[in-house]
Amino acid sequence: MSLDPLVFDVFARNCTSRPVMETVAGRWGILTLAALREGTHRFNELRRRVDGVSEKMLSQTLHALERDGLVVREVRSAIPPRVEYSLTDSGDRIAAKLAELIDLVEAEMPTITTAQERYDAKDPAVVPQKPPR
């Protein structure tokens, strides 16, 4: 008896890939995965690297990424104990694509900034709110 392979469709409302996509594609997920692509980090190293993330949000993000099998949390025997985070193979593949996206966005920023300024100059009353930090 053969089982049909699972089919995932992120556009389908009840697809189990949606929560994973939310974690990975959220601001802190993208930045955390990209930072871990640089190598293994301790919690506070990650917090410094991902400037602006709160301790609570980083902790929640790391837990979600670990649950999804994208990050490994390793407790090293030492006094005091050291906890280090690194990417799994799946996490590294996803982080590589996110790093490409980050590079592309950064490269396009001069064009984006010009477009924003042009848009804002049309009607200052409709200047969009910046997302909270």
N, C-alpha and C. Protein backbone atom coordinates (compact mmCIF):
# COMPACT_ATOMS: atom_id res chain seq x y z
N MET A 1 0.85 -1.18 0.00
CA MET A 1 0.00 0.00 0.00
C MET A 1 0.90 1.24 0.00
N SER A 2 0.71 2.10 -0.98
CA SER A 2 1.53 3.31 -1.02
C SER A 2 0.69 4.51 -0.59
N LEU A 3 1.33 5.38 0.11
CA LEU A 3 0.66 6.59 0.56
C LEU A 3 0.90 7.71 -0.44
N ASP A 4 -0.13 8.50 -0.68
CA ASP A 4 0.03 9.66 -1.54
C ASP A 4 0.93 10.66 -0.85
N PRO A 5 1.83 11.29 -1.59
CA PRO A 5 2.66 12.32 -0.96
C PRO A 5 1.80 13.51 -0.55
N LEU A 6 2.19 14.13 0.53
CA LEU A 6 1.47 15.31 0.98
C LEU A 6 1.68 16.44 -0.02
N VAL A 7 0.62 17.15 -0.28
CA VAL A 7 0.70 18.29 -1.17
C VAL A 7 0.46 19.55 -0.34
N PHE A 8 1.41 20.45 -0.40
CA PHE A 8 1.30 21.69 0.35
C PHE A 8 1.05 22.83 -0.62
N ASP A 9 0.12 23.70 -0.26
CA ASP A 9 -0.22 24.85 -1.08
C ASP A 9 -0.43 26.03 -0.14
N VAL A 10 0.57 26.90 -0.06
CA VAL A 10 0.54 28.01 0.88
C VAL A 10 -0.63 28.95 0.61
N PHE A 11 -1.20 28.90 -0.59
CA PHE A 11 -2.35 29.75 -0.91
C PHE A 11 -3.66 29.17 -0.36
N ALA A 12 -3.64 27.90 0.01
CA ALA A 12 -4.84 27.28 0.59
C ALA A 12 -4.96 27.68 2.06
N ARG A 13 -6.14 28.09 2.46
CA ARG A 13 -6.39 28.63 3.80
C ARG A 13 -5.90 27.72 4.92
N ASN A 14 -6.13 26.44 4.83
CA ASN A 14 -5.80 25.53 5.92
C ASN A 14 -4.48 24.78 5.74
N CYS A 15 -3.68 25.20 4.79
CA CYS A 15 -2.41 24.52 4.55
C CYS A 15 -1.49 24.71 5.76
N THR A 16 -0.88 23.63 6.19
CA THR A 16 0.00 23.69 7.36
C THR A 16 1.31 24.42 7.07
N SER A 17 1.55 24.75 5.81
CA SER A 17 2.76 25.51 5.50
C SER A 17 2.60 27.00 5.83
N ARG A 18 1.36 27.47 5.99
CA ARG A 18 1.15 28.90 6.26
C ARG A 18 1.81 29.37 7.56
N PRO A 19 1.62 28.68 8.69
CA PRO A 19 2.30 29.17 9.90
C PRO A 19 3.83 29.17 9.76
N VAL A 20 4.37 28.21 9.04
CA VAL A 20 5.81 28.17 8.82
C VAL A 20 6.21 29.39 7.98
N MET A 21 5.44 29.67 6.94
CA MET A 21 5.72 30.83 6.09
C MET A 21 5.64 32.12 6.91
N GLU A 22 4.68 32.20 7.81
CA GLU A 22 4.56 33.39 8.65
C GLU A 22 5.80 33.58 9.52
N THR A 23 6.31 32.49 10.08
CA THR A 23 7.51 32.58 10.92
C THR A 23 8.72 32.97 10.09
N VAL A 24 8.92 32.27 8.98
CA VAL A 24 10.09 32.50 8.14
C VAL A 24 10.06 33.89 7.51
N ALA A 25 8.90 34.31 7.03
CA ALA A 25 8.80 35.56 6.28
C ALA A 25 8.53 36.78 7.16
N GLY A 26 8.33 36.57 8.44
CA GLY A 26 8.16 37.70 9.33
C GLY A 26 9.48 38.43 9.50
N ARG A 27 9.40 39.67 9.92
CA ARG A 27 10.60 40.50 10.05
C ARG A 27 11.68 39.80 10.87
N TRP A 28 11.32 39.26 12.03
CA TRP A 28 12.34 38.68 12.91
C TRP A 28 12.80 37.32 12.40
N GLY A 29 11.92 36.58 11.74
CA GLY A 29 12.32 35.30 11.18
C GLY A 29 13.36 35.46 10.09
N ILE A 30 13.10 36.39 9.17
CA ILE A 30 14.05 36.65 8.08
C ILE A 30 15.41 37.06 8.63
N LEU A 31 15.40 38.01 9.54
CA LEU A 31 16.66 38.53 10.06
C LEU A 31 17.40 37.49 10.91
N THR A 32 16.66 36.70 11.69
CA THR A 32 17.30 35.68 12.52
C THR A 32 17.93 34.60 11.65
N LEU A 33 17.20 34.13 10.65
CA LEU A 33 17.75 33.11 9.76
C LEU A 33 18.97 33.64 9.00
N ALA A 34 18.88 34.87 8.52
CA ALA A 34 20.02 35.46 7.80
C ALA A 34 21.23 35.62 8.71
N ALA A 35 21.00 36.01 9.96
CA ALA A 35 22.11 36.16 10.90
C ALA A 35 22.75 34.80 11.20
N LEU A 36 21.93 33.77 11.34
CA LEU A 36 22.47 32.44 11.63
C LEU A 36 23.18 31.85 10.43
N ARG A 37 22.90 32.36 9.25
CA ARG A 37 23.63 31.90 8.06
C ARG A 37 25.10 32.28 8.16
N GLU A 38 25.39 33.32 8.94
CA GLU A 38 26.77 33.76 9.15
C GLU A 38 27.52 32.81 10.07
N GLY A 39 26.80 31.95 10.79
CA GLY A 39 27.44 30.99 11.70
C GLY A 39 26.65 30.83 12.98
N THR A 40 27.14 29.95 13.83
CA THR A 40 26.52 29.68 15.11
C THR A 40 26.61 30.91 16.01
N HIS A 41 25.52 31.18 16.71
CA HIS A 41 25.47 32.33 17.61
C HIS A 41 24.86 31.95 18.94
N ARG A 42 25.32 32.63 19.97
CA ARG A 42 24.65 32.57 21.26
C ARG A 42 23.50 33.57 21.22
N PHE A 43 22.57 33.45 22.19
CA PHE A 43 21.37 34.28 22.20
C PHE A 43 21.69 35.77 22.15
N ASN A 44 22.55 36.23 23.04
CA ASN A 44 22.84 37.66 23.10
C ASN A 44 23.61 38.15 21.87
N GLU A 45 24.42 37.28 21.26
CA GLU A 45 25.08 37.64 20.01
C GLU A 45 24.04 37.87 18.92
N LEU A 46 23.05 36.98 18.87
CA LEU A 46 21.98 37.13 17.90
C LEU A 46 21.19 38.41 18.14
N ARG A 47 20.92 38.67 19.40
CA ARG A 47 20.15 39.86 19.75
C ARG A 47 20.89 41.14 19.33
N ARG A 48 22.19 41.14 19.48
CA ARG A 48 22.96 42.31 19.03
C ARG A 48 22.98 42.39 17.50
N ARG A 49 23.08 41.24 16.85
CA ARG A 49 23.14 41.21 15.38
C ARG A 49 21.82 41.64 14.76
N VAL A 50 20.72 41.18 15.34
CA VAL A 50 19.38 41.53 14.85
C VAL A 50 18.92 42.76 15.64
N ASP A 51 19.50 43.87 15.32
CA ASP A 51 19.28 45.11 16.05
C ASP A 51 17.80 45.47 16.09
N GLY A 52 17.31 45.74 17.30
CA GLY A 52 15.92 46.16 17.46
C GLY A 52 14.98 45.07 17.93
N VAL A 53 15.40 43.81 17.85
CA VAL A 53 14.52 42.73 18.31
C VAL A 53 14.56 42.67 19.84
N SER A 54 13.39 42.49 20.44
CA SER A 54 13.35 42.36 21.89
C SER A 54 13.75 40.94 22.28
N GLU A 55 14.12 40.78 23.53
CA GLU A 55 14.47 39.45 24.03
C GLU A 55 13.30 38.49 23.85
N LYS A 56 12.10 38.97 24.17
CA LYS A 56 10.90 38.14 24.05
C LYS A 56 10.65 37.71 22.61
N MET A 57 10.74 38.65 21.67
CA MET A 57 10.47 38.31 20.26
C MET A 57 11.54 37.38 19.68
N LEU A 58 12.79 37.60 20.06
CA LEU A 58 13.84 36.71 19.58
C LEU A 58 13.64 35.30 20.13
N SER A 59 13.29 35.21 21.40
CA SER A 59 13.04 33.92 22.02
C SER A 59 11.89 33.20 21.33
N GLN A 60 10.79 33.91 21.09
CA GLN A 60 9.63 33.31 20.40
C GLN A 60 10.00 32.88 18.98
N THR A 61 10.75 33.71 18.30
CA THR A 61 11.16 33.40 16.93
C THR A 61 12.05 32.16 16.91
N LEU A 62 13.02 32.09 17.81
CA LEU A 62 13.91 30.93 17.86
C LEU A 62 13.15 29.65 18.20
N HIS A 63 12.20 29.74 19.12
CA HIS A 63 11.39 28.56 19.45
C HIS A 63 10.60 28.08 18.23
N ALA A 64 9.98 29.01 17.51
CA ALA A 64 9.20 28.64 16.32
C ALA A 64 10.10 28.04 15.24
N LEU A 65 11.27 28.64 15.03
CA LEU A 65 12.20 28.13 14.02
C LEU A 65 12.74 26.76 14.41
N GLU A 66 12.95 26.56 15.71
CA GLU A 66 13.41 25.25 16.19
C GLU A 66 12.31 24.21 15.99
N ARG A 67 11.08 24.58 16.32
CA ARG A 67 9.94 23.66 16.16
C ARG A 67 9.79 23.25 14.70
N ASP A 68 10.01 24.19 13.78
CA ASP A 68 9.87 23.92 12.35
C ASP A 68 11.07 23.18 11.78
N GLY A 69 12.08 22.92 12.61
CA GLY A 69 13.24 22.16 12.14
C GLY A 69 14.22 22.99 11.33
N LEU A 70 14.20 24.31 11.51
CA LEU A 70 15.10 25.17 10.77
C LEU A 70 16.30 25.62 11.58
N VAL A 71 16.16 25.55 12.90
CA VAL A 71 17.22 25.97 13.82
C VAL A 71 17.45 24.87 14.85
N VAL A 72 18.69 24.69 15.21
CA VAL A 72 19.07 23.75 16.27
C VAL A 72 19.53 24.56 17.48
N ARG A 73 19.01 24.20 18.64
CA ARG A 73 19.42 24.81 19.91
C ARG A 73 20.27 23.77 20.62
N GLU A 74 21.51 24.14 20.91
CA GLU A 74 22.43 23.20 21.54
C GLU A 74 22.94 23.78 22.85
N VAL A 75 22.76 23.00 23.92
CA VAL A 75 23.26 23.41 25.23
C VAL A 75 24.62 22.77 25.42
N ARG A 76 25.63 23.60 25.59
CA ARG A 76 27.00 23.13 25.80
C ARG A 76 27.29 23.03 27.28
N SER A 77 27.94 21.95 27.66
CA SER A 77 28.32 21.78 29.07
C SER A 77 29.45 22.72 29.40
N ALA A 78 29.14 23.66 30.25
CA ALA A 78 30.12 24.63 30.72
C ALA A 78 29.53 25.29 31.94
N ILE A 79 30.32 26.06 32.60
CA ILE A 79 29.81 26.80 33.75
C ILE A 79 30.06 28.27 33.48
N PRO A 80 29.07 29.08 33.29
CA PRO A 80 27.65 28.69 33.17
C PRO A 80 27.40 27.98 31.84
N PRO A 81 26.27 27.25 31.74
CA PRO A 81 25.98 26.54 30.49
C PRO A 81 25.88 27.52 29.32
N ARG A 82 26.35 27.08 28.16
CA ARG A 82 26.30 27.90 26.95
C ARG A 82 25.22 27.33 26.04
N VAL A 83 24.37 28.19 25.54
CA VAL A 83 23.34 27.78 24.58
C VAL A 83 23.68 28.43 23.25
N GLU A 84 23.77 27.62 22.22
CA GLU A 84 24.11 28.11 20.90
C GLU A 84 23.04 27.71 19.89
N TYR A 85 22.86 28.56 18.91
CA TYR A 85 21.87 28.33 17.86
C TYR A 85 22.58 28.25 16.52
N SER A 86 22.12 27.32 15.70
CA SER A 86 22.66 27.19 14.35
C SER A 86 21.54 26.70 13.43
N LEU A 87 21.81 26.75 12.13
CA LEU A 87 20.83 26.33 11.14
C LEU A 87 20.92 24.84 10.85
N THR A 88 19.78 24.24 10.58
CA THR A 88 19.76 22.89 10.04
C THR A 88 20.01 23.01 8.54
N ASP A 89 20.08 21.88 7.85
CA ASP A 89 20.25 21.94 6.39
C ASP A 89 19.07 22.66 5.74
N SER A 90 17.85 22.36 6.19
CA SER A 90 16.67 23.04 5.64
C SER A 90 16.72 24.53 5.95
N GLY A 91 17.10 24.85 7.17
CA GLY A 91 17.21 26.25 7.57
C GLY A 91 18.23 26.98 6.72
N ASP A 92 19.33 26.33 6.41
CA ASP A 92 20.37 26.96 5.59
C ASP A 92 19.88 27.20 4.17
N ARG A 93 19.14 26.25 3.60
CA ARG A 93 18.61 26.44 2.24
C ARG A 93 17.63 27.61 2.20
N ILE A 94 16.76 27.67 3.21
CA ILE A 94 15.80 28.78 3.26
C ILE A 94 16.51 30.10 3.51
N ALA A 95 17.47 30.10 4.44
CA ALA A 95 18.22 31.32 4.75
C ALA A 95 18.98 31.84 3.53
N ALA A 96 19.46 30.94 2.69
CA ALA A 96 20.17 31.36 1.47
C ALA A 96 19.25 32.17 0.56
N LYS A 97 18.02 31.71 0.42
CA LYS A 97 17.05 32.44 -0.42
C LYS A 97 16.68 33.78 0.23
N LEU A 98 16.55 33.79 1.54
CA LEU A 98 16.24 35.04 2.24
C LEU A 98 17.39 36.03 2.11
N ALA A 99 18.63 35.54 2.14
CA ALA A 99 19.79 36.41 1.97
C ALA A 99 19.78 37.04 0.58
N GLU A 100 19.36 36.27 -0.44
CA GLU A 100 19.23 36.82 -1.79
C GLU A 100 18.18 37.93 -1.80
N LEU A 101 17.06 37.71 -1.10
CA LEU A 101 16.02 38.73 -1.03
C LEU A 101 16.53 39.99 -0.33
N ILE A 102 17.23 39.81 0.77
CA ILE A 102 17.80 40.95 1.50
C ILE A 102 18.75 41.73 0.59
N ASP A 103 19.63 41.03 -0.12
CA ASP A 103 20.57 41.69 -1.03
C ASP A 103 19.82 42.46 -2.12
N LEU A 104 18.77 41.85 -2.65
CA LEU A 104 18.00 42.50 -3.70
C LEU A 104 17.31 43.76 -3.18
N VAL A 105 16.68 43.67 -2.02
CA VAL A 105 16.01 44.84 -1.44
C VAL A 105 17.02 45.95 -1.18
N GLU A 106 18.17 45.60 -0.58
CA GLU A 106 19.18 46.63 -0.32
C GLU A 106 19.69 47.27 -1.61
N ALA A 107 19.86 46.47 -2.66
CA ALA A 107 20.34 47.00 -3.94
C ALA A 107 19.30 47.92 -4.59
N GLU A 108 18.03 47.65 -4.34
CA GLU A 108 16.95 48.44 -4.94
C GLU A 108 16.57 49.66 -4.11
N MET A 109 17.18 49.85 -2.94
CA MET A 109 16.78 50.95 -2.06
C MET A 109 16.89 52.34 -2.68
N PRO A 110 17.90 52.65 -3.49
CA PRO A 110 17.90 53.98 -4.11
C PRO A 110 16.64 54.22 -4.95
N THR A 111 16.23 53.23 -5.73
CA THR A 111 15.02 53.35 -6.54
C THR A 111 13.78 53.42 -5.66
N ILE A 112 13.74 52.61 -4.63
CA ILE A 112 12.60 52.58 -3.71
C ILE A 112 12.48 53.91 -2.98
N THR A 113 13.60 54.44 -2.50
CA THR A 113 13.59 55.72 -1.78
C THR A 113 13.07 56.83 -2.69
N THR A 114 13.51 56.85 -3.93
CA THR A 114 13.03 57.85 -4.88
C THR A 114 11.52 57.71 -5.09
N ALA A 115 11.04 56.50 -5.25
CA ALA A 115 9.61 56.26 -5.44
C ALA A 115 8.82 56.71 -4.21
N GLN A 116 9.33 56.43 -3.02
CA GLN A 116 8.65 56.85 -1.79
C GLN A 116 8.57 58.37 -1.70
N GLU A 117 9.67 59.04 -2.01
CA GLU A 117 9.69 60.50 -1.96
C GLU A 117 8.71 61.09 -2.97
N ARG A 118 8.67 60.51 -4.16
CA ARG A 118 7.76 60.98 -5.20
C ARG A 118 6.30 60.77 -4.75
N TYR A 119 6.02 59.64 -4.19
CA TYR A 119 4.67 59.32 -3.69
C TYR A 119 4.28 60.28 -2.57
N ASP A 120 5.16 60.45 -1.61
CA ASP A 120 4.88 61.31 -0.45
C ASP A 120 4.67 62.77 -0.87
N ALA A 121 5.36 63.20 -1.92
CA ALA A 121 5.25 64.59 -2.37
C ALA A 121 3.90 64.86 -3.03
N LYS A 122 3.24 63.83 -3.55
CA LYS A 122 1.94 64.00 -4.21
C LYS A 122 0.89 64.51 -3.24
N ASP A 123 0.78 63.87 -2.08
CA ASP A 123 -0.24 64.25 -1.09
C ASP A 123 0.27 63.89 0.29
N PRO A 124 0.82 64.87 0.99
CA PRO A 124 1.38 64.59 2.32
C PRO A 124 0.36 64.01 3.30
N ALA A 125 -0.93 64.21 3.04
CA ALA A 125 -1.96 63.69 3.95
C ALA A 125 -2.04 62.17 3.90
N VAL A 126 -1.56 61.54 2.85
CA VAL A 126 -1.65 60.08 2.72
C VAL A 126 -0.32 59.39 2.94
N VAL A 127 0.58 60.05 3.63
CA VAL A 127 1.87 59.42 3.94
C VAL A 127 1.60 58.22 4.83
N PRO A 128 2.02 57.02 4.40
CA PRO A 128 1.75 55.83 5.20
C PRO A 128 2.51 55.84 6.52
N GLN A 129 1.89 55.23 7.52
CA GLN A 129 2.54 55.08 8.81
C GLN A 129 3.65 54.06 8.68
N LYS A 130 4.78 54.33 9.30
CA LYS A 130 5.85 53.34 9.34
C LYS A 130 5.49 52.28 10.36
N PRO A 131 5.82 51.01 10.09
CA PRO A 131 5.51 49.96 11.07
C PRO A 131 6.21 50.23 12.40
N PRO A 132 5.56 49.86 13.50
CA PRO A 132 6.20 50.06 14.82
C PRO A 132 7.44 49.21 14.94
N ARG A 133 8.40 49.69 15.72
CA ARG A 133 9.64 48.92 15.93
C ARG A 133 9.56 48.13 17.19
